PDB file of N, CA and C in Angstrom:
ATOM      1  N   UNK A   1      82.171  35.706-157.784  1.00  0.00           N
ATOM      2  CA  UNK A   1      82.434  34.830-156.660  1.00  0.00           C
ATOM      3  C   UNK A   1      82.308  33.383-157.147  1.00  0.00           C
ATOM      4  N   UNK A   2      83.277  32.576-156.786  1.00  0.00           N
ATOM      5  CA  UNK A   2      83.274  31.158-157.169  1.00  0.00           C
ATOM      6  C   UNK A   2      83.174  30.311-155.905  1.00  0.00           C
ATOM      7  N   UNK A   3      82.183  29.423-155.889  1.00  0.00           N
ATOM      8  CA  UNK A   3      82.053  28.494-154.777  1.00  0.00           C
ATOM      9  C   UNK A   3      82.381  27.084-155.239  1.00  0.00           C
ATOM     10  N   UNK A   4      83.066  26.350-154.379  1.00  0.00           N
ATOM     11  CA  UNK A   4      83.375  24.944-154.622  1.00  0.00           C
ATOM     12  C   UNK A   4      82.504  24.098-153.700  1.00  0.00           C
ATOM     13  N   UNK A   5      81.894  23.057-154.268  1.00  0.00           N
ATOM     14  CA  UNK A   5      81.036  22.135-153.539  1.00  0.00           C
ATOM     15  C   UNK A   5      81.718  20.770-153.553  1.00  0.00           C
ATOM     16  N   UNK A   6      81.956  20.213-152.368  1.00  0.00           N
ATOM     17  CA  UNK A   6      82.647  18.935-152.254  1.00  0.00           C
ATOM     18  C   UNK A   6      81.717  17.901-151.626  1.00  0.00           C
ATOM     19  N   UNK A   7      81.644  16.730-152.252  1.00  0.00           N
ATOM     20  CA  UNK A   7      80.733  15.670-151.843  1.00  0.00           C
ATOM     21  C   UNK A   7      81.425  14.601-151.011  1.00  0.00           C
ATOM     22  N   UNK A   8      80.767  14.186-149.925  1.00  0.00           N
ATOM     23  CA  UNK A   8      81.197  13.007-149.166  1.00  0.00           C
ATOM     24  C   UNK A   8      79.940  12.268-148.718  1.00  0.00           C
ATOM     25  N   UNK A   9      80.112  11.042-148.260  1.00  0.00           N
ATOM     26  CA  UNK A   9      78.992  10.217-147.797  1.00  0.00           C
ATOM     27  C   UNK A   9      79.291   9.720-146.384  1.00  0.00           C
ATOM     28  N   UNK A  10      79.047  10.573-145.378  1.00  0.00           N
ATOM     29  CA  UNK A  10      79.368  10.161-144.006  1.00  0.00           C
ATOM     30  C   UNK A  10      78.414   9.107-143.435  1.00  0.00           C
ATOM     31  N   UNK A  11      77.192   9.053-143.933  1.00  0.00           N
ATOM     32  CA  UNK A  11      76.246   8.033-143.487  1.00  0.00           C
ATOM     33  C   UNK A  11      76.200   6.941-144.535  1.00  0.00           C
ATOM     34  N   UNK A  12      76.760   5.801-144.208  1.00  0.00           N
ATOM     35  CA  UNK A  12      76.971   4.781-145.228  1.00  0.00           C
ATOM     36  C   UNK A  12      76.612   3.395-144.700  1.00  0.00           C
ATOM     37  N   UNK A  13      75.379   2.947-144.952  1.00  0.00           N
ATOM     38  CA  UNK A  13      74.975   1.642-144.437  1.00  0.00           C
ATOM     39  C   UNK A  13      75.331   0.471-145.364  1.00  0.00           C
ATOM     40  N   UNK A  14      76.472   0.547-146.016  1.00  0.00           N
ATOM     41  CA  UNK A  14      76.882  -0.544-146.903  1.00  0.00           C
ATOM     42  C   UNK A  14      77.395  -1.726-146.080  1.00  0.00           C
ATOM     43  N   UNK A  15      77.649  -2.829-146.741  1.00  0.00           N
ATOM     44  CA  UNK A  15      78.063  -4.057-146.063  1.00  0.00           C
ATOM     45  C   UNK A  15      79.340  -3.867-145.245  1.00  0.00           C
ATOM     46  N   UNK A  16      80.247  -2.993-145.723  1.00  0.00           N
ATOM     47  CA  UNK A  16      81.498  -2.784-144.997  1.00  0.00           C
ATOM     48  C   UNK A  16      81.560  -1.419-144.311  1.00  0.00           C
ATOM     49  N   UNK A  17      80.436  -0.678-144.337  1.00  0.00           N
ATOM     50  CA  UNK A  17      80.389   0.624-143.672  1.00  0.00           C
ATOM     51  C   UNK A  17      81.136   1.723-144.393  1.00  0.00           C
ATOM     52  N   UNK A  18      81.502   1.462-145.651  1.00  0.00           N
ATOM     53  CA  UNK A  18      82.258   2.468-146.409  1.00  0.00           C
ATOM     54  C   UNK A  18      81.590   2.746-147.742  1.00  0.00           C
ATOM     55  N   UNK A  19      81.787   3.944-148.218  1.00  0.00           N
ATOM     56  CA  UNK A  19      81.339   4.358-149.546  1.00  0.00           C
ATOM     57  C   UNK A  19      82.433   3.990-150.529  1.00  0.00           C
ATOM     58  N   UNK A  20      82.071   3.448-151.674  1.00  0.00           N
ATOM     59  CA  UNK A  20      83.076   3.040-152.660  1.00  0.00           C
ATOM     60  C   UNK A  20      83.889   4.226-153.170  1.00  0.00           C
ATOM     61  N   UNK A  21      83.358   5.439-153.049  1.00  0.00           N
ATOM     62  CA  UNK A  21      84.079   6.634-153.491  1.00  0.00           C
ATOM     63  C   UNK A  21      84.912   7.289-152.406  1.00  0.00           C
ATOM     64  N   UNK A  22      84.930   6.685-151.227  1.00  0.00           N
ATOM     65  CA  UNK A  22      85.672   7.262-150.110  1.00  0.00           C
ATOM     66  C   UNK A  22      87.148   7.424-150.467  1.00  0.00           C
ATOM     67  N   UNK A  23      87.711   8.569-150.097  1.00  0.00           N
ATOM     68  CA  UNK A  23      89.122   8.834-150.368  1.00  0.00           C
ATOM     69  C   UNK A  23      89.376   9.478-151.710  1.00  0.00           C
ATOM     70  N   UNK A  24      88.344   9.593-152.530  1.00  0.00           N
ATOM     71  CA  UNK A  24      88.474  10.262-153.833  1.00  0.00           C
ATOM     72  C   UNK A  24      87.865  11.652-153.733  1.00  0.00           C
ATOM     73  N   UNK A  25      88.286  12.544-154.636  1.00  0.00           N
ATOM     74  CA  UNK A  25      87.779  13.913-154.605  1.00  0.00           C
ATOM     75  C   UNK A  25      86.625  14.070-155.589  1.00  0.00           C
ATOM     76  N   UNK A  26      85.474  14.441-155.043  1.00  0.00           N
ATOM     77  CA  UNK A  26      84.279  14.720-155.838  1.00  0.00           C
ATOM     78  C   UNK A  26      83.883  16.160-155.561  1.00  0.00           C
ATOM     79  N   UNK A  27      84.118  17.032-156.533  1.00  0.00           N
ATOM     80  CA  UNK A  27      83.850  18.449-156.328  1.00  0.00           C
ATOM     81  C   UNK A  27      83.454  19.101-157.647  1.00  0.00           C
ATOM     82  N   UNK A  28      82.601  20.105-157.535  1.00  0.00           N
ATOM     83  CA  UNK A  28      82.262  20.947-158.679  1.00  0.00           C
ATOM     84  C   UNK A  28      82.230  22.394-158.198  1.00  0.00           C
ATOM     85  N   UNK A  29      82.343  23.299-159.140  1.00  0.00           N
ATOM     86  CA  UNK A  29      82.325  24.720-158.799  1.00  0.00           C
ATOM     87  C   UNK A  29      81.185  25.414-159.524  1.00  0.00           C
ATOM     88  N   UNK A  30      80.797  26.548-158.985  1.00  0.00           N
ATOM     89  CA  UNK A  30      79.783  27.373-159.624  1.00  0.00           C
ATOM     90  C   UNK A  30      80.214  28.829-159.466  1.00  0.00           C
ATOM     91  N   UNK A  31      80.137  29.575-160.559  1.00  0.00           N
ATOM     92  CA  UNK A  31      80.515  30.987-160.554  1.00  0.00           C
ATOM     93  C   UNK A  31      79.265  31.853-160.491  1.00  0.00           C
ATOM     94  N   UNK A  32      79.262  32.777-159.564  1.00  0.00           N
ATOM     95  CA  UNK A  32      78.166  33.723-159.378  1.00  0.00           C
ATOM     96  C   UNK A  32      78.649  35.092-159.825  1.00  0.00           C
ATOM     97  N   UNK A  33      77.932  35.734-160.745  1.00  0.00           N
ATOM     98  CA  UNK A  33      78.391  37.016-161.270  1.00  0.00           C
ATOM     99  C   UNK A  33      77.419  38.170-161.021  1.00  0.00           C
ATOM    100  N   UNK A  34      76.120  37.894-161.083  1.00  0.00           N
ATOM    101  CA  UNK A  34      75.137  38.955-160.881  1.00  0.00           C
ATOM    102  C   UNK A  34      75.048  39.307-159.406  1.00  0.00           C
ATOM    103  N   UNK A  35      74.706  40.576-159.140  1.00  0.00           N
ATOM    104  CA  UNK A  35      74.643  41.069-157.767  1.00  0.00           C
ATOM    105  C   UNK A  35      73.722  40.225-156.888  1.00  0.00           C
ATOM    106  N   UNK A  36      72.510  39.898-157.380  1.00  0.00           N
ATOM    107  CA  UNK A  36      71.572  39.107-156.579  1.00  0.00           C
ATOM    108  C   UNK A  36      72.065  37.665-156.404  1.00  0.00           C
ATOM    109  N   UNK A  37      72.780  37.150-157.401  1.00  0.00           N
ATOM    110  CA  UNK A  37      73.338  35.800-157.284  1.00  0.00           C
ATOM    111  C   UNK A  37      74.465  35.750-156.250  1.00  0.00           C
ATOM    112  N   UNK A  38      75.240  36.824-156.189  1.00  0.00           N
ATOM    113  CA  UNK A  38      76.331  36.891-155.211  1.00  0.00           C
ATOM    114  C   UNK A  38      75.761  36.931-153.792  1.00  0.00           C
ATOM    115  N   UNK A  39      74.644  37.619-153.603  1.00  0.00           N
ATOM    116  CA  UNK A  39      73.990  37.625-152.285  1.00  0.00           C
ATOM    117  C   UNK A  39      73.592  36.197-151.898  1.00  0.00           C
ATOM    118  N   UNK A  40      73.060  35.459-152.850  1.00  0.00           N
ATOM    119  CA  UNK A  40      72.698  34.067-152.617  1.00  0.00           C
ATOM    120  C   UNK A  40      73.940  33.233-152.306  1.00  0.00           C
ATOM    121  N   UNK A  41      75.022  33.486-153.025  1.00  0.00           N
ATOM    122  CA  UNK A  41      76.269  32.753-152.799  1.00  0.00           C
ATOM    123  C   UNK A  41      76.793  32.985-151.388  1.00  0.00           C
ATOM    124  N   UNK A  42      76.674  34.199-150.892  1.00  0.00           N
ATOM    125  CA  UNK A  42      77.121  34.511-149.532  1.00  0.00           C
ATOM    126  C   UNK A  42      76.289  33.725-148.516  1.00  0.00           C
ATOM    127  N   UNK A  43      74.980  33.629-148.737  1.00  0.00           N
ATOM    128  CA  UNK A  43      74.122  32.833-147.848  1.00  0.00           C
ATOM    129  C   UNK A  43      74.551  31.368-147.850  1.00  0.00           C
ATOM    130  N   UNK A  44      74.814  30.842-149.042  1.00  0.00           N
ATOM    131  CA  UNK A  44      75.257  29.448-149.165  1.00  0.00           C
ATOM    132  C   UNK A  44      76.591  29.249-148.445  1.00  0.00           C
ATOM    133  N   UNK A  45      77.502  30.169-148.671  1.00  0.00           N
ATOM    134  CA  UNK A  45      78.828  30.090-148.057  1.00  0.00           C
ATOM    135  C   UNK A  45      78.737  30.137-146.534  1.00  0.00           C
ATOM    136  N   UNK A  46      77.823  30.936-146.010  1.00  0.00           N
ATOM    137  CA  UNK A  46      77.659  31.032-144.558  1.00  0.00           C
ATOM    138  C   UNK A  46      77.162  29.728-143.940  1.00  0.00           C
ATOM    139  N   UNK A  47      76.459  28.914-144.709  1.00  0.00           N
ATOM    140  CA  UNK A  47      75.998  27.608-144.208  1.00  0.00           C
ATOM    141  C   UNK A  47      77.169  26.633-144.039  1.00  0.00           C
ATOM    142  N   UNK A  48      78.139  26.722-144.921  1.00  0.00           N
ATOM    143  CA  UNK A  48      79.350  25.884-144.923  1.00  0.00           C
ATOM    144  C   UNK A  48      79.140  24.431-145.326  1.00  0.00           C
ATOM    145  N   UNK A  49      78.052  23.808-144.881  1.00  0.00           N
ATOM    146  CA  UNK A  49      77.806  22.431-145.309  1.00  0.00           C
ATOM    147  C   UNK A  49      76.309  22.150-145.328  1.00  0.00           C
ATOM    148  N   UNK A  50      75.947  21.200-146.166  1.00  0.00           N
ATOM    149  CA  UNK A  50      74.562  20.779-146.341  1.00  0.00           C
ATOM    150  C   UNK A  50      74.525  19.261-146.271  1.00  0.00           C
ATOM    151  N   UNK A  51      73.373  18.727-145.890  1.00  0.00           N
ATOM    152  CA  UNK A  51      73.211  17.276-145.809  1.00  0.00           C
ATOM    153  C   UNK A  51      71.960  16.851-146.555  1.00  0.00           C
ATOM    154  N   UNK A  52      72.026  15.664-147.116  1.00  0.00           N
ATOM    155  CA  UNK A  52      70.844  15.064-147.719  1.00  0.00           C
ATOM    156  C   UNK A  52      70.747  13.627-147.211  1.00  0.00           C
ATOM    157  N   UNK A  53      69.569  13.261-146.721  1.00  0.00           N
ATOM    158  CA  UNK A  53      69.372  11.928-146.138  1.00  0.00           C
ATOM    159  C   UNK A  53      68.350  11.150-146.975  1.00  0.00           C
ATOM    160  N   UNK A  54      68.728   9.949-147.388  1.00  0.00           N
ATOM    161  CA  UNK A  54      67.808   9.056-148.095  1.00  0.00           C
ATOM    162  C   UNK A  54      67.113   8.159-147.078  1.00  0.00           C
ATOM    163  N   UNK A  55      65.984   7.601-147.487  1.00  0.00           N
ATOM    164  CA  UNK A  55      65.205   6.729-146.609  1.00  0.00           C
ATOM    165  C   UNK A  55      65.946   5.447-146.218  1.00  0.00           C
ATOM    166  N   UNK A  56      66.915   5.039-147.035  1.00  0.00           N
ATOM    167  CA  UNK A  56      67.627   3.787-146.758  1.00  0.00           C
ATOM    168  C   UNK A  56      68.814   3.946-145.807  1.00  0.00           C
ATOM    169  N   UNK A  57      68.998   5.161-145.277  1.00  0.00           N
ATOM    170  CA  UNK A  57      70.057   5.379-144.303  1.00  0.00           C
ATOM    171  C   UNK A  57      71.298   6.075-144.829  1.00  0.00           C
ATOM    172  N   UNK A  58      71.450   6.194-146.137  1.00  0.00           N
ATOM    173  CA  UNK A  58      72.594   6.896-146.706  1.00  0.00           C
ATOM    174  C   UNK A  58      72.456   8.392-146.425  1.00  0.00           C
ATOM    175  N   UNK A  59      73.593   9.032-146.196  1.00  0.00           N
ATOM    176  CA  UNK A  59      73.619  10.479-145.968  1.00  0.00           C
ATOM    177  C   UNK A  59      74.749  11.083-146.794  1.00  0.00           C
ATOM    178  N   UNK A  60      74.403  12.120-147.553  1.00  0.00           N
ATOM    179  CA  UNK A  60      75.412  12.864-148.317  1.00  0.00           C
ATOM    180  C   UNK A  60      75.709  14.167-147.582  1.00  0.00           C
ATOM    181  N   UNK A  61      76.945  14.574-147.653  1.00  0.00           N
ATOM    182  CA  UNK A  61      77.352  15.869-147.100  1.00  0.00           C
ATOM    183  C   UNK A  61      77.992  16.667-148.228  1.00  0.00           C
ATOM    184  N   UNK A  62      77.583  17.919-148.348  1.00  0.00           N
ATOM    185  CA  UNK A  62      78.146  18.812-149.350  1.00  0.00           C
ATOM    186  C   UNK A  62      78.779  19.975-148.604  1.00  0.00           C
ATOM    187  N   UNK A  63      80.097  20.055-148.649  1.00  0.00           N
ATOM    188  CA  UNK A  63      80.824  21.162-148.023  1.00  0.00           C
ATOM    189  C   UNK A  63      81.054  22.248-149.064  1.00  0.00           C
ATOM    190  N   UNK A  64      80.980  23.501-148.614  1.00  0.00           N
ATOM    191  CA  UNK A  64      81.094  24.639-149.526  1.00  0.00           C
ATOM    192  C   UNK A  64      82.201  25.568-149.050  1.00  0.00           C
ATOM    193  N   UNK A  65      83.013  26.013-149.994  1.00  0.00           N
ATOM    194  CA  UNK A  65      83.999  27.047-149.687  1.00  0.00           C
ATOM    195  C   UNK A  65      84.270  27.881-150.929  1.00  0.00           C
ATOM    196  N   UNK A  66      84.774  29.076-150.701  1.00  0.00           N
ATOM    197  CA  UNK A  66      85.069  29.987-151.809  1.00  0.00           C
ATOM    198  C   UNK A  66      86.456  29.681-152.362  1.00  0.00           C
ATOM    199  N   UNK A  67      86.579  29.767-153.688  1.00  0.00           N
ATOM    200  CA  UNK A  67      87.866  29.556-154.353  1.00  0.00           C
ATOM    201  C   UNK A  67      88.090  30.678-155.358  1.00  0.00           C
ATOM    202  N   UNK A  68      89.343  30.850-155.757  1.00  0.00           N
ATOM    203  CA  UNK A  68      89.640  31.788-156.840  1.00  0.00           C
ATOM    204  C   UNK A  68      89.757  30.992-158.144  1.00  0.00           C
ATOM    205  N   UNK A  69      89.993  31.671-159.251  1.00  0.00           N
ATOM    206  CA  UNK A  69      90.000  30.993-160.556  1.00  0.00           C
ATOM    207  C   UNK A  69      91.133  29.968-160.667  1.00  0.00           C
ATOM    208  N   UNK A  70      92.259  30.233-160.050  1.00  0.00           N
ATOM    209  CA  UNK A  70      93.373  29.277-160.069  1.00  0.00           C
ATOM    210  C   UNK A  70      93.000  28.011-159.292  1.00  0.00           C
ATOM    211  N   UNK A  71      92.387  28.184-158.125  1.00  0.00           N
ATOM    212  CA  UNK A  71      91.952  27.041-157.323  1.00  0.00           C
ATOM    213  C   UNK A  71      90.846  26.269-158.039  1.00  0.00           C
ATOM    214  N   UNK A  72      89.984  26.997-158.749  1.00  0.00           N
ATOM    215  CA  UNK A  72      88.906  26.351-159.514  1.00  0.00           C
ATOM    216  C   UNK A  72      89.489  25.414-160.567  1.00  0.00           C
ATOM    217  N   UNK A  73      90.488  25.890-161.314  1.00  0.00           N
ATOM    218  CA  UNK A  73      91.133  25.052-162.329  1.00  0.00           C
ATOM    219  C   UNK A  73      91.764  23.813-161.709  1.00  0.00           C
ATOM    220  N   UNK A  74      92.480  24.005-160.611  1.00  0.00           N
ATOM    221  CA  UNK A  74      93.148  22.895-159.939  1.00  0.00           C
ATOM    222  C   UNK A  74      92.113  21.870-159.451  1.00  0.00           C
ATOM    223  N   UNK A  75      91.055  22.368-158.850  1.00  0.00           N
ATOM    224  CA  UNK A  75      89.999  21.495-158.345  1.00  0.00           C
ATOM    225  C   UNK A  75      89.326  20.727-159.481  1.00  0.00           C
ATOM    226  N   UNK A  76      89.074  21.406-160.583  1.00  0.00           N
ATOM    227  CA  UNK A  76      88.464  20.757-161.749  1.00  0.00           C
ATOM    228  C   UNK A  76      89.341  19.645-162.299  1.00  0.00           C
ATOM    229  N   UNK A  77      90.640  19.858-162.270  1.00  0.00           N
ATOM    230  CA  UNK A  77      91.582  18.841-162.756  1.00  0.00           C
ATOM    231  C   UNK A  77      91.665  17.641-161.815  1.00  0.00           C
ATOM    232  N   UNK A  78      91.540  17.879-160.522  1.00  0.00           N
ATOM    233  CA  UNK A  78      91.674  16.810-159.532  1.00  0.00           C
ATOM    234  C   UNK A  78      90.378  16.033-159.293  1.00  0.00           C
ATOM    235  N   UNK A  79      89.256  16.674-159.559  1.00  0.00           N
ATOM    236  CA  UNK A  79      87.962  16.092-159.214  1.00  0.00           C
ATOM    237  C   UNK A  79      87.524  15.001-160.188  1.00  0.00           C
ATOM    238  N   UNK A  80      86.763  14.052-159.647  1.00  0.00           N
ATOM    239  CA  UNK A  80      86.167  12.993-160.460  1.00  0.00           C
ATOM    240  C   UNK A  80      84.704  13.313-160.783  1.00  0.00           C
ATOM    241  N   UNK A  81      84.335  14.588-160.671  1.00  0.00           N
ATOM    242  CA  UNK A  81      82.959  15.002-160.935  1.00  0.00           C
ATOM    243  C   UNK A  81      82.168  15.043-159.643  1.00  0.00           C
ATOM    244  N   UNK A  82      80.877  14.740-159.729  1.00  0.00           N
ATOM    245  CA  UNK A  82      80.028  14.810-158.539  1.00  0.00           C
ATOM    246  C   UNK A  82      79.123  13.586-158.445  1.00  0.00           C
ATOM    247  N   UNK A  83      79.538  12.479-159.074  1.00  0.00           N
ATOM    248  CA  UNK A  83      78.845  11.184-158.973  1.00  0.00           C
ATOM    249  C   UNK A  83      77.366  11.266-159.334  1.00  0.00           C
ATOM    250  N   UNK A  84      77.026  12.082-160.304  1.00  0.00           N
ATOM    251  CA  UNK A  84      75.622  12.275-160.719  1.00  0.00           C
ATOM    252  C   UNK A  84      74.751  12.875-159.625  1.00  0.00           C
ATOM    253  N   UNK A  85      75.355  13.524-158.663  1.00  0.00           N
ATOM    254  CA  UNK A  85      74.599  14.215-157.616  1.00  0.00           C
ATOM    255  C   UNK A  85      74.621  15.731-157.829  1.00  0.00           C
ATOM    256  N   UNK A  86      74.845  16.163-159.057  1.00  0.00           N
ATOM    257  CA  UNK A  86      74.858  17.592-159.385  1.00  0.00           C
ATOM    258  C   UNK A  86      73.551  18.268-158.973  1.00  0.00           C
ATOM    259  N   UNK A  87      72.459  17.502-158.975  1.00  0.00           N
ATOM    260  CA  UNK A  87      71.158  18.052-158.596  1.00  0.00           C
ATOM    261  C   UNK A  87      71.185  18.630-157.192  1.00  0.00           C
ATOM    262  N   UNK A  88      72.043  18.099-156.335  1.00  0.00           N
ATOM    263  CA  UNK A  88      72.137  18.637-154.984  1.00  0.00           C
ATOM    264  C   UNK A  88      72.643  20.074-155.007  1.00  0.00           C
ATOM    265  N   UNK A  89      73.670  20.315-155.791  1.00  0.00           N
ATOM    266  CA  UNK A  89      74.223  21.670-155.898  1.00  0.00           C
ATOM    267  C   UNK A  89      73.211  22.587-156.571  1.00  0.00           C
ATOM    268  N   UNK A  90      72.575  22.098-157.622  1.00  0.00           N
ATOM    269  CA  UNK A  90      71.564  22.892-158.329  1.00  0.00           C
ATOM    270  C   UNK A  90      70.452  23.345-157.383  1.00  0.00           C
ATOM    271  N   UNK A  91      69.971  22.435-156.540  1.00  0.00           N
ATOM    272  CA  UNK A  91      68.879  22.796-155.643  1.00  0.00           C
ATOM    273  C   UNK A  91      69.360  23.622-154.441  1.00  0.00           C
ATOM    274  N   UNK A  92      70.603  23.434-154.032  1.00  0.00           N
ATOM    275  CA  UNK A  92      71.156  24.320-152.994  1.00  0.00           C
ATOM    276  C   UNK A  92      71.158  25.752-153.517  1.00  0.00           C
ATOM    277  N   UNK A  93      71.569  25.929-154.760  1.00  0.00           N
ATOM    278  CA  UNK A  93      71.612  27.267-155.355  1.00  0.00           C
ATOM    279  C   UNK A  93      70.200  27.826-155.531  1.00  0.00           C
ATOM    280  N   UNK A  94      69.267  26.996-155.987  1.00  0.00           N
ATOM    281  CA  UNK A  94      67.907  27.472-156.257  1.00  0.00           C
ATOM    282  C   UNK A  94      67.044  27.601-155.013  1.00  0.00           C
ATOM    283  N   UNK A  95      67.159  26.655-154.080  1.00  0.00           N
ATOM    284  CA  UNK A  95      66.224  26.587-152.957  1.00  0.00           C
ATOM    285  C   UNK A  95      66.870  26.674-151.573  1.00  0.00           C
ATOM    286  N   UNK A  96      68.188  26.687-151.522  1.00  0.00           N
ATOM    287  CA  UNK A  96      68.867  26.810-150.236  1.00  0.00           C
ATOM    288  C   UNK A  96      69.123  25.503-149.513  1.00  0.00           C
ATOM    289  N   UNK A  97      68.776  24.377-150.173  1.00  0.00           N
ATOM    290  CA  UNK A  97      69.043  23.062-149.579  1.00  0.00           C
ATOM    291  C   UNK A  97      68.970  22.007-150.680  1.00  0.00           C
ATOM    292  N   UNK A  98      69.655  20.881-150.487  1.00  0.00           N
ATOM    293  CA  UNK A  98      69.567  19.816-151.488  1.00  0.00           C
ATOM    294  C   UNK A  98      68.190  19.158-151.440  1.00  0.00           C
ATOM    295  N   UNK A  99      67.572  19.018-152.616  1.00  0.00           N
ATOM    296  CA  UNK A  99      66.250  18.393-152.712  1.00  0.00           C
ATOM    297  C   UNK A  99      66.186  17.535-153.968  1.00  0.00           C
ATOM    298  N   UNK A 100      65.621  16.335-153.828  1.00  0.00           N
ATOM    299  CA  UNK A 100      65.389  15.452-154.972  1.00  0.00           C
ATOM    300  C   UNK A 100      64.206  15.987-155.778  1.00  0.00           C
ATOM    301  N   UNK A 101      64.011  15.444-156.976  1.00  0.00           N
ATOM    302  CA  UNK A 101      62.940  15.923-157.861  1.00  0.00           C
ATOM    303  C   UNK A 101      61.574  15.934-157.192  1.00  0.00           C
ATOM    304  N   UNK A 102      61.237  14.861-156.481  1.00  0.00           N
ATOM    305  CA  UNK A 102      59.915  14.814-155.846  1.00  0.00           C
ATOM    306  C   UNK A 102      59.764  15.889-154.765  1.00  0.00           C
ATOM    307  N   UNK A 103      60.867  16.248-154.112  1.00  0.00           N
ATOM    308  CA  UNK A 103      60.824  17.301-153.103  1.00  0.00           C
ATOM    309  C   UNK A 103      60.694  18.682-153.745  1.00  0.00           C
ATOM    310  N   UNK A 104      61.323  18.862-154.894  1.00  0.00           N
ATOM    311  CA  UNK A 104      61.196  20.125-155.636  1.00  0.00           C
ATOM    312  C   UNK A 104      59.750  20.304-156.094  1.00  0.00           C
ATOM    313  N   UNK A 105      59.145  19.247-156.618  1.00  0.00           N
ATOM    314  CA  UNK A 105      57.748  19.324-157.055  1.00  0.00           C
ATOM    315  C   UNK A 105      56.831  19.687-155.894  1.00  0.00           C
ATOM    316  N   UNK A 106      57.057  19.081-154.755  1.00  0.00           N
ATOM    317  CA  UNK A 106      56.255  19.382-153.569  1.00  0.00           C
ATOM    318  C   UNK A 106      56.466  20.832-153.134  1.00  0.00           C
ATOM    319  N   UNK A 107      57.703  21.273-153.138  1.00  0.00           N
ATOM    320  CA  UNK A 107      58.034  22.648-152.771  1.00  0.00           C
ATOM    321  C   UNK A 107      57.331  23.648-153.692  1.00  0.00           C
ATOM    322  N   UNK A 108      57.384  23.382-154.990  1.00  0.00           N
ATOM    323  CA  UNK A 108      56.720  24.267-155.960  1.00  0.00           C
ATOM    324  C   UNK A 108      55.208  24.268-155.763  1.00  0.00           C
ATOM    325  N   UNK A 109      54.636  23.108-155.539  1.00  0.00           N
ATOM    326  CA  UNK A 109      53.184  23.003-155.324  1.00  0.00           C
ATOM    327  C   UNK A 109      52.773  23.801-154.084  1.00  0.00           C
ATOM    328  N   UNK A 110      53.538  23.652-153.026  1.00  0.00           N
ATOM    329  CA  UNK A 110      53.224  24.385-151.797  1.00  0.00           C
ATOM    330  C   UNK A 110      53.351  25.886-152.002  1.00  0.00           C
ATOM    331  N   UNK A 111      54.362  26.304-152.773  1.00  0.00           N
ATOM    332  CA  UNK A 111      54.543  27.729-153.052  1.00  0.00           C
ATOM    333  C   UNK A 111      53.356  28.304-153.825  1.00  0.00           C
ATOM    334  N   UNK A 112      52.736  27.496-154.650  1.00  0.00           N
ATOM    335  CA  UNK A 112      51.583  27.930-155.441  1.00  0.00           C
ATOM    336  C   UNK A 112      50.265  27.646-154.729  1.00  0.00           C
ATOM    337  N   UNK A 113      50.340  27.044-153.550  1.00  0.00           N
ATOM    338  CA  UNK A 113      49.138  26.733-152.804  1.00  0.00           C
ATOM    339  C   UNK A 113      48.338  25.594-153.381  1.00  0.00           C
ATOM    340  N   UNK A 114      49.030  24.715-154.100  1.00  0.00           N
ATOM    341  CA  UNK A 114      48.391  23.567-154.744  1.00  0.00           C
ATOM    342  C   UNK A 114      48.651  22.321-153.917  1.00  0.00           C
ATOM    343  N   UNK A 115      47.632  21.505-153.758  1.00  0.00           N
ATOM    344  CA  UNK A 115      47.802  20.239-153.062  1.00  0.00           C
ATOM    345  C   UNK A 115      48.291  19.204-154.075  1.00  0.00           C
ATOM    346  N   UNK A 116      49.522  18.662-153.897  1.00  0.00           N
ATOM    347  CA  UNK A 116      50.022  17.665-154.848  1.00  0.00           C
ATOM    348  C   UNK A 116      49.227  16.365-154.789  1.00  0.00           C
ATOM    349  N   UNK A 117      49.198  15.682-155.915  1.00  0.00           N
ATOM    350  CA  UNK A 117      48.464  14.401-155.994  1.00  0.00           C
ATOM    351  C   UNK A 117      49.252  13.278-155.386  1.00  0.00           C
TER     352      UNK A 117
END
């Protein structure tokens, strides 16, 4: 199963109210092959979209849809990457939601019953 993740910035408190990447395609794909990974992919696909909100008012949206290998190639050719926000997709796959490094550390600490410093 191949999922495509597409990035947009609907919450944009810039001087002109627009993201400089608006109108461009920012997408990456991930292939799931193992049975347990495919179950996770189905959960992700059922969500359809994810959001990440920064303290300064910016909001990222990650839309998810399934693609085949031909669509994956086409998307890879058209995409400008993921603007260094690949961590969002990585954490969606690992934890079910986009999380920054400090949030991942907190999540891991809580899972182990450790109080973070």
